[in-house]
Amino acid sequence: MPVRSVSILVRAESPESLPAAVQTGAQLKAQQCQKLAELRAALVTDGYNTAAKQAAVLKLSRSTAWKILKGDHKQSGLSANTVNRMLASPDLPLEARKIIEEYIQEKLRGAYGHQAAPLKRFRLKAAIPQP
């Protein structure tokens, strides 16, 4: 008996337009990496074009800054301690600060696929910017 193939028409949508509940882990991770790539681009635009300069302005070790800004940071993303250190930097450019604050708000909304318990811990530890 011949095997029949069935085609299913899938509407192509951008991952950002889908709710986090229906996105794959890879799509959520890609969104998170995209936000970190925006941070790196903002730093480069402001003249922080080396890992050493980026680390200094972010108040992070050079290896931590490099790993974060490389775009393949660990699954959980940035910790509350890391974002607090970056936001505490007096030399942080305004655009970079804005991107970090957006990252915090998006993470707290669950846009990167985190579960409720880790988000609660993040919320309690992070210096959440007030609008």
C-alpha atoms as a PDB file:
ATOM      1  CA  MET A   1       0.000   0.000   0.000  1.00  0.00           C
ATOM      2  CA  PRO A   2       1.506   3.386  -0.989  1.00  0.00           C
ATOM      3  CA  VAL A   3       2.232   5.904   1.757  1.00  0.00           C
ATOM      4  CA  ARG A   4       0.397   9.183   1.426  1.00  0.00           C
ATOM      5  CA  SER A   5       1.986  12.397   2.516  1.00  0.00           C
ATOM      6  CA  VAL A   6      -0.074  15.091   4.093  1.00  0.00           C
ATOM      7  CA  SER A   7       0.867  18.732   3.820  1.00  0.00           C
ATOM      8  CA  ILE A   8      -0.062  21.183   6.492  1.00  0.00           C
ATOM      9  CA  LEU A   9      -0.038  24.851   5.741  1.00  0.00           C
ATOM     10  CA  VAL A  10       1.690  26.733   8.545  1.00  0.00           C
ATOM     11  CA  ARG A  11       1.440  30.460   8.646  1.00  0.00           C
ATOM     12  CA  ALA A  12       4.901  31.979   9.056  1.00  0.00           C
ATOM     13  CA  GLU A  13       5.018  34.470  11.857  1.00  0.00           C
ATOM     14  CA  SER A  14       7.924  36.199  13.475  1.00  0.00           C
ATOM     15  CA  PRO A  15       8.833  34.587  16.810  1.00  0.00           C
ATOM     16  CA  GLU A  16       8.332  37.898  18.606  1.00  0.00           C
ATOM     17  CA  SER A  17       4.667  37.968  17.588  1.00  0.00           C
ATOM     18  CA  LEU A  18       3.905  34.623  19.207  1.00  0.00           C
ATOM     19  CA  PRO A  19       3.113  34.328  22.911  1.00  0.00           C
ATOM     20  CA  ALA A  20       5.936  32.781  24.959  1.00  0.00           C
ATOM     21  CA  ALA A  21       3.742  29.733  25.657  1.00  0.00           C
ATOM     22  CA  VAL A  22       3.737  28.674  21.987  1.00  0.00           C
ATOM     23  CA  GLN A  23       7.327  29.528  21.108  1.00  0.00           C
ATOM     24  CA  THR A  24      10.043  26.919  21.244  1.00  0.00           C
ATOM     25  CA  GLY A  25      12.917  27.172  23.663  1.00  0.00           C
ATOM     26  CA  ALA A  26      15.213  27.965  20.749  1.00  0.00           C
ATOM     27  CA  GLN A  27      13.020  30.886  19.665  1.00  0.00           C
ATOM     28  CA  LEU A  28      12.907  32.280  23.192  1.00  0.00           C
ATOM     29  CA  LYS A  29      16.664  31.898  23.528  1.00  0.00           C
ATOM     30  CA  ALA A  30      17.126  33.673  20.182  1.00  0.00           C
ATOM     31  CA  GLN A  31      15.038  36.633  21.401  1.00  0.00           C
ATOM     32  CA  GLN A  32      17.115  36.839  24.564  1.00  0.00           C
ATOM     33  CA  CYS A  33      20.361  36.714  22.559  1.00  0.00           C
ATOM     34  CA  GLN A  34      19.008  39.399  20.227  1.00  0.00           C
ATOM     35  CA  LYS A  35      18.472  41.755  23.178  1.00  0.00           C
ATOM     36  CA  LEU A  36      22.044  41.139  24.350  1.00  0.00           C
ATOM     37  CA  ALA A  37      23.271  41.774  20.791  1.00  0.00           C
ATOM     38  CA  GLU A  38      21.435  45.129  20.916  1.00  0.00           C
ATOM     39  CA  LEU A  39      23.341  45.939  24.102  1.00  0.00           C
ATOM     40  CA  ARG A  40      26.653  45.120  22.422  1.00  0.00           C
ATOM     41  CA  ALA A  41      25.749  47.224  19.370  1.00  0.00           C
ATOM     42  CA  ALA A  42      24.861  50.187  21.594  1.00  0.00           C
ATOM     43  CA  LEU A  43      28.193  49.919  23.383  1.00  0.00           C
ATOM     44  CA  VAL A  44      30.120  49.694  20.112  1.00  0.00           C
ATOM     45  CA  THR A  45      28.221  52.721  18.770  1.00  0.00           C
ATOM     46  CA  ASP A  46      29.288  54.675  21.865  1.00  0.00           C
ATOM     47  CA  GLY A  47      32.942  53.760  21.295  1.00  0.00           C
ATOM     48  CA  TYR A  48      33.253  50.735  23.577  1.00  0.00           C
ATOM     49  CA  ASN A  49      34.522  48.474  20.814  1.00  0.00           C
ATOM     50  CA  THR A  50      36.751  46.063  22.747  1.00  0.00           C
ATOM     51  CA  ALA A  51      35.936  43.485  25.408  1.00  0.00           C
ATOM     52  CA  ALA A  52      38.092  45.386  27.893  1.00  0.00           C
ATOM     53  CA  LYS A  53      36.282  48.692  27.298  1.00  0.00           C
ATOM     54  CA  GLN A  54      32.867  47.003  27.395  1.00  0.00           C
ATOM     55  CA  ALA A  55      33.721  45.195  30.634  1.00  0.00           C
ATOM     56  CA  ALA A  56      34.947  48.406  32.229  1.00  0.00           C
ATOM     57  CA  VAL A  57      31.799  50.367  31.389  1.00  0.00           C
ATOM     58  CA  LEU A  58      29.550  47.464  32.464  1.00  0.00           C
ATOM     59  CA  LYS A  59      31.526  46.983  35.715  1.00  0.00           C
ATOM     60  CA  LEU A  60      31.975  43.275  34.929  1.00  0.00           C
ATOM     61  CA  SER A  61      35.018  41.083  34.489  1.00  0.00           C
ATOM     62  CA  ARG A  62      36.271  40.957  30.939  1.00  0.00           C
ATOM     63  CA  SER A  63      35.408  37.267  30.551  1.00  0.00           C
ATOM     64  CA  THR A  64      31.863  37.784  31.867  1.00  0.00           C
ATOM     65  CA  ALA A  65      31.275  40.763  29.587  1.00  0.00           C
ATOM     66  CA  TRP A  66      32.663  38.853  26.613  1.00  0.00           C
ATOM     67  CA  LYS A  67      30.450  35.820  27.287  1.00  0.00           C
ATOM     68  CA  ILE A  68      27.311  37.940  27.728  1.00  0.00           C
ATOM     69  CA  LEU A  69      27.906  40.127  24.688  1.00  0.00           C
ATOM     70  CA  LYS A  70      29.030  37.244  22.466  1.00  0.00           C
ATOM     71  CA  GLY A  71      25.368  36.279  22.215  1.00  0.00           C
ATOM     72  CA  ASP A  72      25.343  32.722  23.464  1.00  0.00           C
ATOM     73  CA  HIS A  73      24.966  33.310  27.175  1.00  0.00           C
ATOM     74  CA  LYS A  74      23.664  30.485  29.337  1.00  0.00           C
ATOM     75  CA  GLN A  75      20.009  29.541  29.089  1.00  0.00           C
ATOM     76  CA  SER A  76      18.828  31.499  32.121  1.00  0.00           C
ATOM     77  CA  GLY A  77      20.183  34.758  30.761  1.00  0.00           C
ATOM     78  CA  LEU A  78      21.513  37.505  32.972  1.00  0.00           C
ATOM     79  CA  SER A  79      21.278  37.118  36.721  1.00  0.00           C
ATOM     80  CA  ALA A  80      19.863  39.823  38.956  1.00  0.00           C
ATOM     81  CA  ASN A  81      23.333  40.428  40.396  1.00  0.00           C
ATOM     82  CA  THR A  82      24.770  40.959  36.921  1.00  0.00           C
ATOM     83  CA  VAL A  83      22.098  43.455  35.838  1.00  0.00           C
ATOM     84  CA  ASN A  84      22.430  45.255  39.175  1.00  0.00           C
ATOM     85  CA  ARG A  85      26.189  45.636  38.651  1.00  0.00           C
ATOM     86  CA  MET A  86      25.674  46.931  35.112  1.00  0.00           C
ATOM     87  CA  LEU A  87      22.991  49.422  36.146  1.00  0.00           C
ATOM     88  CA  ALA A  88      25.174  50.639  39.035  1.00  0.00           C
ATOM     89  CA  SER A  89      27.869  51.747  36.595  1.00  0.00           C
ATOM     90  CA  PRO A  90      27.997  55.555  36.531  1.00  0.00           C
ATOM     91  CA  ASP A  91      29.637  55.456  33.079  1.00  0.00           C
ATOM     92  CA  LEU A  92      26.970  53.309  31.428  1.00  0.00           C
ATOM     93  CA  PRO A  93      25.728  55.053  28.257  1.00  0.00           C
ATOM     94  CA  LEU A  94      22.056  56.019  28.254  1.00  0.00           C
ATOM     95  CA  GLU A  95      21.163  53.757  25.307  1.00  0.00           C
ATOM     96  CA  ALA A  96      22.826  50.746  26.941  1.00  0.00           C
ATOM     97  CA  ARG A  97      20.996  51.481  30.210  1.00  0.00           C
ATOM     98  CA  LYS A  98      17.698  51.623  28.301  1.00  0.00           C
ATOM     99  CA  ILE A  99      18.378  48.224  26.688  1.00  0.00           C
ATOM    100  CA  ILE A 100      19.230  46.638  30.047  1.00  0.00           C
ATOM    101  CA  GLU A 101      16.037  48.046  31.558  1.00  0.00           C
ATOM    102  CA  GLU A 102      14.027  46.673  28.606  1.00  0.00           C
ATOM    103  CA  TYR A 103      15.726  43.305  29.112  1.00  0.00           C
ATOM    104  CA  ILE A 104      14.669  43.286  32.774  1.00  0.00           C
ATOM    105  CA  GLN A 105      11.055  44.161  31.955  1.00  0.00           C
ATOM    106  CA  GLU A 106      10.861  41.575  29.163  1.00  0.00           C
ATOM    107  CA  LYS A 107      12.375  38.881  31.376  1.00  0.00           C
ATOM    108  CA  LEU A 108       9.919  39.693  34.176  1.00  0.00           C
ATOM    109  CA  ARG A 109       7.011  39.411  31.707  1.00  0.00           C
ATOM    110  CA  GLY A 110       8.202  35.920  30.855  1.00  0.00           C
ATOM    111  CA  ALA A 111       9.203  36.833  27.311  1.00  0.00           C
ATOM    112  CA  TYR A 112      12.245  34.552  27.470  1.00  0.00           C
ATOM    113  CA  GLY A 113      10.358  31.506  28.721  1.00  0.00           C
ATOM    114  CA  HIS A 114      11.374  31.498  32.377  1.00  0.00           C
ATOM    115  CA  GLN A 115       9.160  29.766  34.928  1.00  0.00           C
ATOM    116  CA  ALA A 116       7.388  31.624  37.745  1.00  0.00           C
ATOM    117  CA  ALA A 117       9.728  30.625  40.589  1.00  0.00           C
ATOM    118  CA  PRO A 118      12.969  31.798  38.929  1.00  0.00           C
ATOM    119  CA  LEU A 119      11.247  35.001  37.823  1.00  0.00           C
ATOM    120  CA  LYS A 120      10.116  35.650  41.392  1.00  0.00           C
ATOM    121  CA  ARG A 121      13.707  35.237  42.641  1.00  0.00           C
ATOM    122  CA  PHE A 122      14.925  37.533  39.855  1.00  0.00           C
ATOM    123  CA  ARG A 123      12.263  40.136  40.722  1.00  0.00           C
ATOM    124  CA  LEU A 124      13.236  40.093  44.411  1.00  0.00           C
ATOM    125  CA  LYS A 125      16.964  40.541  43.699  1.00  0.00           C
ATOM    126  CA  ALA A 126      16.963  42.878  40.708  1.00  0.00           C
ATOM    127  CA  ALA A 127      17.091  46.626  41.028  1.00  0.00           C
ATOM    128  CA  ILE A 128      13.973  47.096  38.929  1.00  0.00           C
ATOM    129  CA  PRO A 129      13.860  50.524  37.273  1.00  0.00           C
ATOM    130  CA  GLN A 130      10.699  52.487  37.902  1.00  0.00           C
ATOM    131  CA  PRO A 131       8.945  53.920  34.800  1.00  0.00           C
END
